[in-house]
Protein backbone atom coordinates (compact mmCIF):
# COMPACT_ATOMS: atom_id res chain seq x y z
CA UNK A 1 -2.56 26.81 17.25
CA UNK A 2 -5.86 26.46 15.44
CA UNK A 3 -7.51 23.08 15.00
CA UNK A 4 -6.30 21.09 11.98
CA UNK A 5 -8.24 21.68 8.79
CA UNK A 6 -9.61 19.00 6.48
CA UNK A 7 -7.19 16.77 4.57
CA UNK A 8 -7.60 16.69 0.77
CA UNK A 9 -8.68 13.27 -0.49
CA UNK A 10 -7.67 12.16 -3.99
CA UNK A 11 -9.84 9.53 -5.65
CA UNK A 12 -10.75 7.98 -8.97
CA UNK A 13 -13.87 5.89 -9.61
CA UNK A 14 -11.93 3.68 -12.03
CA UNK A 15 -11.10 1.44 -9.08
CA UNK A 16 -14.59 -0.08 -9.43
CA UNK A 17 -13.53 -1.77 -12.67
CA UNK A 18 -11.45 -4.23 -10.62
CA UNK A 19 -14.29 -6.35 -9.25
CA UNK A 20 -13.53 -10.10 -9.47
CA UNK A 21 -16.44 -12.36 -8.46
CA UNK A 22 -14.21 -14.74 -6.49
CA UNK A 23 -10.64 -15.47 -5.41
CA UNK A 24 -8.77 -18.55 -4.18
CA UNK A 25 -7.48 -17.75 -0.71
CA UNK A 26 -5.72 -20.35 1.45
CA UNK A 27 -7.06 -23.08 -0.82
CA UNK A 28 -10.68 -21.97 -0.62
CA UNK A 29 -12.90 -20.09 -3.04
CA UNK A 30 -13.92 -16.76 -1.49
CA UNK A 31 -16.93 -14.84 -2.80
CA UNK A 32 -17.39 -11.96 -2.59
CA UNK A 33 -13.67 -11.25 -2.57
CA UNK A 34 -12.22 -9.44 0.44
CA UNK A 35 -10.72 -6.68 -1.69
CA UNK A 36 -13.79 -5.21 -3.36
CA UNK A 37 -15.07 -1.77 -4.43
CA UNK A 38 -17.29 -1.38 -1.36
CA UNK A 39 -14.14 -0.83 0.71
CA UNK A 40 -13.29 2.48 -0.92
CA UNK A 41 -16.92 3.49 -1.28
CA UNK A 42 -17.32 3.23 2.50
CA UNK A 43 -14.21 5.30 3.22
CA UNK A 44 -15.08 7.96 0.68
CA UNK A 45 -18.63 8.37 2.01
CA UNK A 46 -17.41 8.85 5.57
CA UNK A 47 -14.68 11.32 4.64
CA UNK A 48 -16.96 13.32 2.36
CA UNK A 49 -19.51 13.59 5.17
CA UNK A 50 -16.74 14.74 7.51
CA UNK A 51 -15.88 17.64 5.18
CA UNK A 52 -12.67 16.40 3.59
CA UNK A 53 -12.52 17.87 0.06
CA UNK A 54 -12.42 15.39 -2.82
CA UNK A 55 -9.84 15.96 -5.54
CA UNK A 56 -9.88 13.98 -8.81
CA UNK A 57 -6.71 12.18 -9.79
CA UNK A 58 -4.65 13.39 -12.72
CA UNK A 59 -2.98 11.01 -15.15
CA UNK A 60 0.58 10.32 -14.05
CA UNK A 61 3.53 10.08 -16.39
CA UNK A 62 4.31 6.48 -17.34
CA UNK A 63 7.93 7.12 -16.43
CA UNK A 64 7.12 7.21 -12.73
CA UNK A 65 5.54 3.75 -12.95
CA UNK A 66 8.45 2.35 -14.96
CA UNK A 67 10.94 3.77 -12.45
CA UNK A 68 9.66 1.03 -10.11
CA UNK A 69 8.09 -1.73 -12.22
CA UNK A 70 9.49 -3.95 -14.95
CA UNK A 71 8.21 -2.77 -18.34
CA UNK A 72 7.31 -6.31 -19.39
CA UNK A 73 5.18 -6.80 -16.27
CA UNK A 74 3.40 -3.52 -16.93
CA UNK A 75 2.74 -4.66 -20.50
CA UNK A 76 1.42 -8.01 -19.26
CA UNK A 77 -1.02 -6.36 -16.87
CA UNK A 78 -2.15 -4.08 -19.69
CA UNK A 79 -2.48 -6.71 -22.43
CA UNK A 80 -2.45 -10.11 -20.75
CA UNK A 81 -6.16 -10.39 -20.06
CA UNK A 82 -7.06 -10.05 -23.74
CA UNK A 83 -4.46 -12.68 -24.63
CA UNK A 84 -5.77 -14.98 -21.89
CA UNK A 85 -9.32 -14.75 -23.21
CA UNK A 86 -8.20 -15.22 -26.80
CA UNK A 87 -6.43 -18.42 -25.72
CA UNK A 88 -9.66 -19.76 -24.20
CA UNK A 89 -9.20 -18.67 -20.61
CA UNK A 90 -12.26 -17.99 -18.44
CA UNK A 91 -13.50 -14.55 -17.41
CA UNK A 92 -11.58 -14.64 -14.12
CA UNK A 93 -7.83 -14.91 -14.61
CA UNK A 94 -6.07 -16.92 -11.86
CA UNK A 95 -2.71 -18.65 -12.20
CA UNK A 96 -2.30 -22.34 -11.47
CA UNK A 97 1.36 -22.75 -12.51
CA UNK A 98 4.03 -20.53 -10.94
CA UNK A 99 7.68 -19.91 -11.68
CA UNK A 100 10.12 -21.36 -9.19
CA UNK A 101 13.91 -20.98 -9.06
CA UNK A 102 14.38 -24.71 -9.63
CA UNK A 103 11.93 -24.88 -12.54
CA UNK A 104 13.05 -23.35 -15.82
CA UNK A 105 16.63 -22.66 -14.80
CA UNK A 106 17.34 -20.96 -18.10
CA UNK A 107 15.15 -18.03 -17.10
CA UNK A 108 13.14 -18.06 -20.32
CA UNK A 109 9.44 -17.12 -20.26
CA UNK A 110 6.89 -19.12 -22.18
CA UNK A 111 4.76 -17.04 -24.51
CA UNK A 112 1.57 -18.76 -23.33
CA UNK A 113 -0.69 -16.35 -21.40
CA UNK A 114 -1.35 -19.21 -18.94
CA UNK A 115 2.37 -19.38 -18.20
CA UNK A 116 2.90 -15.63 -18.26
CA UNK A 117 0.39 -15.12 -15.47
CA UNK A 118 2.31 -17.50 -13.21
CA UNK A 119 5.58 -15.81 -14.18
CA UNK A 120 4.47 -12.43 -12.82
CA UNK A 121 1.91 -13.35 -10.10
CA UNK A 122 2.95 -15.18 -6.93
CA UNK A 123 -0.39 -16.34 -5.47
CA UNK A 124 -3.95 -17.42 -6.28
CA UNK A 125 -5.59 -14.70 -4.21
CA UNK A 126 -5.13 -11.99 -6.85
CA UNK A 127 -7.60 -12.63 -9.68
CA UNK A 128 -7.66 -10.38 -12.72
CA UNK A 129 -10.67 -9.31 -14.75
CA UNK A 130 -11.05 -7.08 -17.77
CA UNK A 131 -10.90 -3.83 -15.77
CA UNK A 132 -8.08 -4.75 -13.39
CA UNK A 133 -5.29 -2.98 -15.27
CA UNK A 134 -7.30 0.25 -15.58
CA UNK A 135 -8.03 0.21 -11.85
CA UNK A 136 -4.41 -0.44 -10.90
CA UNK A 137 -3.16 2.25 -13.26
CA UNK A 138 -5.69 4.69 -11.77
CA UNK A 139 -4.38 3.87 -8.28
CA UNK A 140 -0.95 5.01 -9.44
CA UNK A 141 -2.54 8.21 -10.73
CA UNK A 142 -4.17 8.77 -7.33
CA UNK A 143 -0.89 8.22 -5.49
CA UNK A 144 1.07 10.47 -7.80
CA UNK A 145 -1.56 13.22 -7.62
CA UNK A 146 -1.38 13.06 -3.81
CA UNK A 147 2.42 13.11 -3.92
CA UNK A 148 2.36 16.10 -6.25
CA UNK A 149 0.08 18.07 -3.95
CA UNK A 150 2.39 17.38 -1.01
CA UNK A 151 5.46 18.28 -3.07
CA UNK A 152 3.72 21.58 -3.84
CA UNK A 153 3.29 22.35 -0.14
CA UNK A 154 0.23 20.54 1.25
CA UNK A 155 1.05 19.22 4.74
CA UNK A 156 -0.93 16.00 4.25
CA UNK A 157 -2.93 14.41 1.44
CA UNK A 158 -4.82 11.12 1.47
CA UNK A 159 -4.99 8.96 -1.64
CA UNK A 160 -7.89 6.52 -1.95
CA UNK A 161 -5.84 3.88 -3.71
CA UNK A 162 -7.33 0.56 -4.79
CA UNK A 163 -6.33 -2.16 -5.44
CA UNK A 164 -3.70 -1.97 -2.69
CA UNK A 165 -0.04 -2.04 -3.65
CA UNK A 166 2.51 -2.95 -1.00
CA UNK A 167 2.83 -6.65 -1.90
CA UNK A 168 3.78 -5.85 -5.52
CA UNK A 169 7.49 -5.81 -6.29
CA UNK A 170 9.43 -4.55 -9.27
CA UNK A 171 8.71 -7.67 -11.33
CA UNK A 172 5.91 -9.49 -9.52
CA UNK A 173 2.43 -8.90 -8.15
CA UNK A 174 0.11 -10.66 -5.70
CA UNK A 175 -1.52 -10.26 -2.32
CA UNK A 176 -4.43 -8.34 -3.91
CA UNK A 177 -1.79 -5.87 -5.24
CA UNK A 178 -0.94 -5.12 -8.88
CA UNK A 179 1.18 -1.94 -8.93
CA UNK A 180 2.99 -0.66 -5.85
CA UNK A 181 1.63 2.88 -5.78
CA UNK A 182 3.40 3.76 -2.51
CA UNK A 183 6.75 2.76 -3.99
CA UNK A 184 6.06 4.72 -7.18
CA UNK A 185 5.21 7.84 -5.17
CA UNK A 186 8.16 7.40 -2.80
CA UNK A 187 10.71 7.00 -5.58
CA UNK A 188 9.36 10.08 -7.37
CA UNK A 189 9.46 12.09 -4.15
CA UNK A 190 13.19 11.38 -3.65
CA UNK A 191 13.80 14.19 -6.13
CA UNK A 192 13.07 16.44 -3.13
CA UNK A 193 15.12 14.56 -0.54
CA UNK A 194 15.04 11.34 1.41
CA UNK A 195 11.71 9.56 1.92
CA UNK A 196 10.44 7.25 4.64
CA UNK A 197 7.71 4.73 3.87
CA UNK A 198 5.81 3.86 7.04
CA UNK A 199 3.72 0.74 6.47
CA UNK A 200 0.84 0.33 8.94
CA UNK A 201 -0.95 -2.51 7.16
CA UNK A 202 -1.42 -5.70 9.20
CA UNK A 203 0.48 -7.61 6.49
CA UNK A 204 4.15 -7.04 5.76
CA UNK A 205 4.75 -5.03 2.59
CA UNK A 206 7.18 -7.44 0.98
CA UNK A 207 7.04 -5.62 -2.34
CA UNK A 208 7.89 -2.19 -0.94
CA UNK A 209 10.73 -3.65 1.11
CA UNK A 210 12.08 -5.44 -1.95
CA UNK A 211 11.95 -2.35 -4.16
CA UNK A 212 14.00 -0.31 -1.68
CA UNK A 213 16.21 -3.13 -0.31
CA UNK A 214 19.43 -1.52 -1.56
CA UNK A 215 18.25 2.10 -1.79
CA UNK A 216 19.81 4.52 0.72
CA UNK A 217 17.38 7.30 -0.25
CA UNK A 218 14.24 5.49 0.96
CA UNK A 219 13.63 4.06 4.41
CA UNK A 220 11.05 1.30 4.87
CA UNK A 221 9.53 0.84 8.35
CA UNK A 222 6.74 -1.68 8.92
CA UNK A 223 4.47 -2.73 11.80
CA UNK A 224 2.70 -5.98 10.95
CA UNK A 225 1.51 -9.34 12.16
CA UNK A 226 4.37 -11.78 12.66
CA UNK A 227 5.20 -13.82 9.52
CA UNK A 228 5.14 -16.99 11.61
CA UNK A 229 1.36 -16.72 11.54
CA UNK A 230 0.37 -14.17 8.88
CA UNK A 231 0.63 -13.64 5.11
CA UNK A 232 2.95 -13.17 3.24
CA UNK A 233 4.86 -15.51 5.60
CA UNK A 234 8.27 -15.36 3.89
CA UNK A 235 9.19 -11.74 4.71
CA UNK A 236 8.86 -9.26 7.56
CA UNK A 237 11.21 -10.78 10.12
CA UNK A 238 13.07 -8.37 12.38
CA UNK A 239 16.50 -9.37 11.06
CA UNK A 240 15.69 -8.08 7.54
CA UNK A 241 17.60 -4.79 7.42
CA UNK A 242 18.43 -4.07 3.78
CA UNK A 243 21.62 -4.70 1.87
CA UNK A 244 24.61 -2.87 0.43
CA UNK A 245 24.03 0.90 0.31
CA UNK A 246 20.55 0.29 1.78
CA UNK A 247 21.77 -1.62 4.82
CA UNK A 248 20.01 -0.26 7.91
CA UNK A 249 17.22 1.52 6.02
CA UNK A 250 14.76 -1.36 6.63
CA UNK A 251 13.06 -1.78 10.01
CA UNK A 252 10.50 -4.51 10.62
CA UNK A 253 8.51 -4.63 13.85
CA UNK A 254 6.55 -7.90 13.71
CA UNK A 255 3.75 -8.15 16.27
CA UNK A 256 2.19 -11.13 18.02
CA UNK A 257 -1.38 -12.29 17.63
CA UNK A 258 -4.03 -10.07 19.23
CA UNK A 259 -1.66 -7.17 19.85
CA UNK A 260 -3.90 -4.45 21.30
CA UNK A 261 -3.87 -0.66 21.43
CA UNK A 262 -1.15 0.16 23.95
CA UNK A 263 1.36 -2.40 22.71
CA UNK A 264 0.76 -1.31 19.13
CA UNK A 265 1.25 2.35 20.01
CA UNK A 266 4.49 1.45 21.79
CA UNK A 267 5.74 -0.21 18.61
CA UNK A 268 4.61 2.79 16.57
CA UNK A 269 6.68 5.02 18.85
CA UNK A 270 9.76 2.92 18.04
CA UNK A 271 8.93 3.15 14.33
CA UNK A 272 8.53 6.92 14.44
CA UNK A 273 11.79 7.33 16.35
CA UNK A 274 13.49 5.50 13.50
CA UNK A 275 11.80 7.80 10.99
CA UNK A 276 12.98 10.87 12.91
CA UNK A 277 16.52 9.51 12.95
CA UNK A 278 16.42 9.01 9.16
CA UNK A 279 15.27 12.64 8.83
CA UNK A 280 13.20 12.35 5.65
CA UNK A 281 11.91 15.27 3.63
CA UNK A 282 8.60 13.40 3.13
CA UNK A 283 6.83 10.44 4.73
CA UNK A 284 4.66 8.09 2.69
CA UNK A 285 2.21 6.20 4.91
CA UNK A 286 0.86 2.88 3.63
CA UNK A 287 -2.32 3.00 5.69
CA UNK A 288 -3.75 -0.46 6.16
CA UNK A 289 -6.95 -0.47 8.21
CA UNK A 290 -6.87 -4.25 8.62
CA UNK A 291 -5.37 -3.83 12.09
CA UNK A 292 -8.81 -3.65 13.73
CA UNK A 293 -10.00 -6.40 16.03
CA UNK A 294 -12.94 -6.89 13.63
CA UNK A 295 -10.86 -7.50 10.49
CA UNK A 296 -11.68 -10.91 9.01
CA UNK A 297 -8.18 -11.71 7.73
CA UNK A 298 -5.97 -9.77 10.15
CA UNK A 299 -4.28 -10.86 13.38
CA UNK A 300 -4.17 -7.70 15.53
CA UNK A 301 -6.79 -6.37 17.92
CA UNK A 302 -6.91 -2.59 17.73
CA UNK A 303 -10.05 -0.86 18.96
CA UNK A 304 -11.55 2.34 17.60
CA UNK A 305 -9.68 4.28 20.30
CA UNK A 306 -6.31 3.48 18.70
CA UNK A 307 -6.84 5.34 15.45
CA UNK A 308 -6.98 8.94 16.75
CA UNK A 309 -3.77 8.15 18.64
CA UNK A 310 -2.16 6.89 15.44
CA UNK A 311 -3.15 10.12 13.69
CA UNK A 312 -1.78 12.22 16.54
CA UNK A 313 1.52 10.34 16.41
CA UNK A 314 1.80 10.93 12.67
CA UNK A 315 0.97 14.61 13.09
CA UNK A 316 3.68 14.94 15.75
CA UNK A 317 6.31 14.07 13.14
CA UNK A 318 5.77 17.55 11.72
CA UNK A 319 6.66 16.32 8.23
CA UNK A 320 4.75 16.30 4.94
CA UNK A 321 2.62 13.17 4.69
CA UNK A 322 1.37 11.26 1.66
CA UNK A 323 -1.16 8.81 3.11
CA UNK A 324 -2.17 5.99 0.74
CA UNK A 325 -4.79 3.34 1.34
CA UNK A 326 -3.69 -0.28 1.54
CA UNK A 327 -5.75 -3.09 3.14
CA UNK A 328 -8.73 -3.22 5.48
CA UNK A 329 -11.61 -5.65 5.07
CA UNK A 330 -14.08 -5.03 7.92
CA UNK A 331 -15.99 -2.62 5.72
CA UNK A 332 -18.09 -1.01 8.44
CA UNK A 333 -14.94 -0.02 10.32
CA UNK A 334 -12.97 1.49 7.43
CA UNK A 335 -14.56 4.93 7.19
CA UNK A 336 -14.51 5.75 10.92
CA UNK A 337 -10.92 4.52 11.29
CA UNK A 338 -9.69 6.49 8.28
CA UNK A 339 -11.45 9.63 9.52
CA UNK A 340 -9.91 9.22 12.97
CA UNK A 341 -6.39 8.95 11.53
CA UNK A 342 -6.84 11.96 9.24
CA UNK A 343 -8.44 14.29 11.78
CA UNK A 344 -5.17 15.53 13.35
CA UNK A 345 -3.27 15.80 10.04
CA UNK A 346 -4.76 18.81 8.24
CA UNK A 347 -3.97 22.50 8.48
CA UNK A 348 -0.55 24.16 8.24
CA UNK A 349 2.64 22.11 8.26
CA UNK A 350 3.64 21.10 11.76
CA UNK A 351 5.98 23.08 13.95
CA UNK A 352 7.99 21.07 16.44
CA UNK A 353 10.51 22.51 18.90
CA UNK A 354 11.14 25.51 16.69
CA UNK A 355 11.54 23.42 13.51
CA UNK A 356 9.14 24.15 10.70
CA UNK A 357 8.48 21.04 8.64
CA UNK A 358 9.31 21.27 4.92
């Protein structure tokens, strides 16, 4: 077989509008924020230099977004910043009062924008600014454009999505994430058959797991730092398996501190065996690049040598791949790692033991 060709890369410069000057992370003010525009700029520059063609995102139908996210939360992210400023809030929008099951037992939302923020957001590390909604909505456009190209026959497409998405649930956001673009793409892709979401971010994708907790059409498989020591702490344990019709479609593989290349690749093998057993028509990869040993807020210890092996393992699935960017905060490492993962994925759809992938 010929060498794999370049993988199309979908992007949208609107992501730069989400550029908060600081965040509150683990009780400390962080500036510049970890999740900043330079992340995607670094990846894009490397991939463009490597010959991967850039494709502009197309506006996605609002229905795909609302098939995953609560309409009131979408409206808050669209309109809440203006209301916050009109009520005297500062330029950076960070909640300081959060809903809790034992506070406000009647389930009624206050109309104050200060309360609304804490109703929808679950942490202080996800500040909003004037352009945050536009950036998050553009990330959905990127993901849906990538999904559409794969649905039309491309073997693999990479979406430069920012802000990341996998911590956002149907009716909440946080963890740097506003809309869950992987979940939006995955749910839309179920029109063509079952979908596996393979989450390779160092942090557990609590939002994606929650969205598909009872959904038999979507499998969620995650490799991540153990919640005993890593955000988001409350989810990602191995015993979480889904519920009702979705029971058994969730697989969490939590990893210990400083897990290195070989142990990680062993866990990835287990994850991919589960994907094969589920037999999806399409695989959505939430590609976190915060698994490197250099990442400032991760807990794993992968070297540069791991990322070509990850790409080869994904290619060996022989299934259409929608690869979407999640975390990764060691900016100098992001471009090379992304390029290494993508290198084996291009070209014609894989052929494996006589089976031609869809």
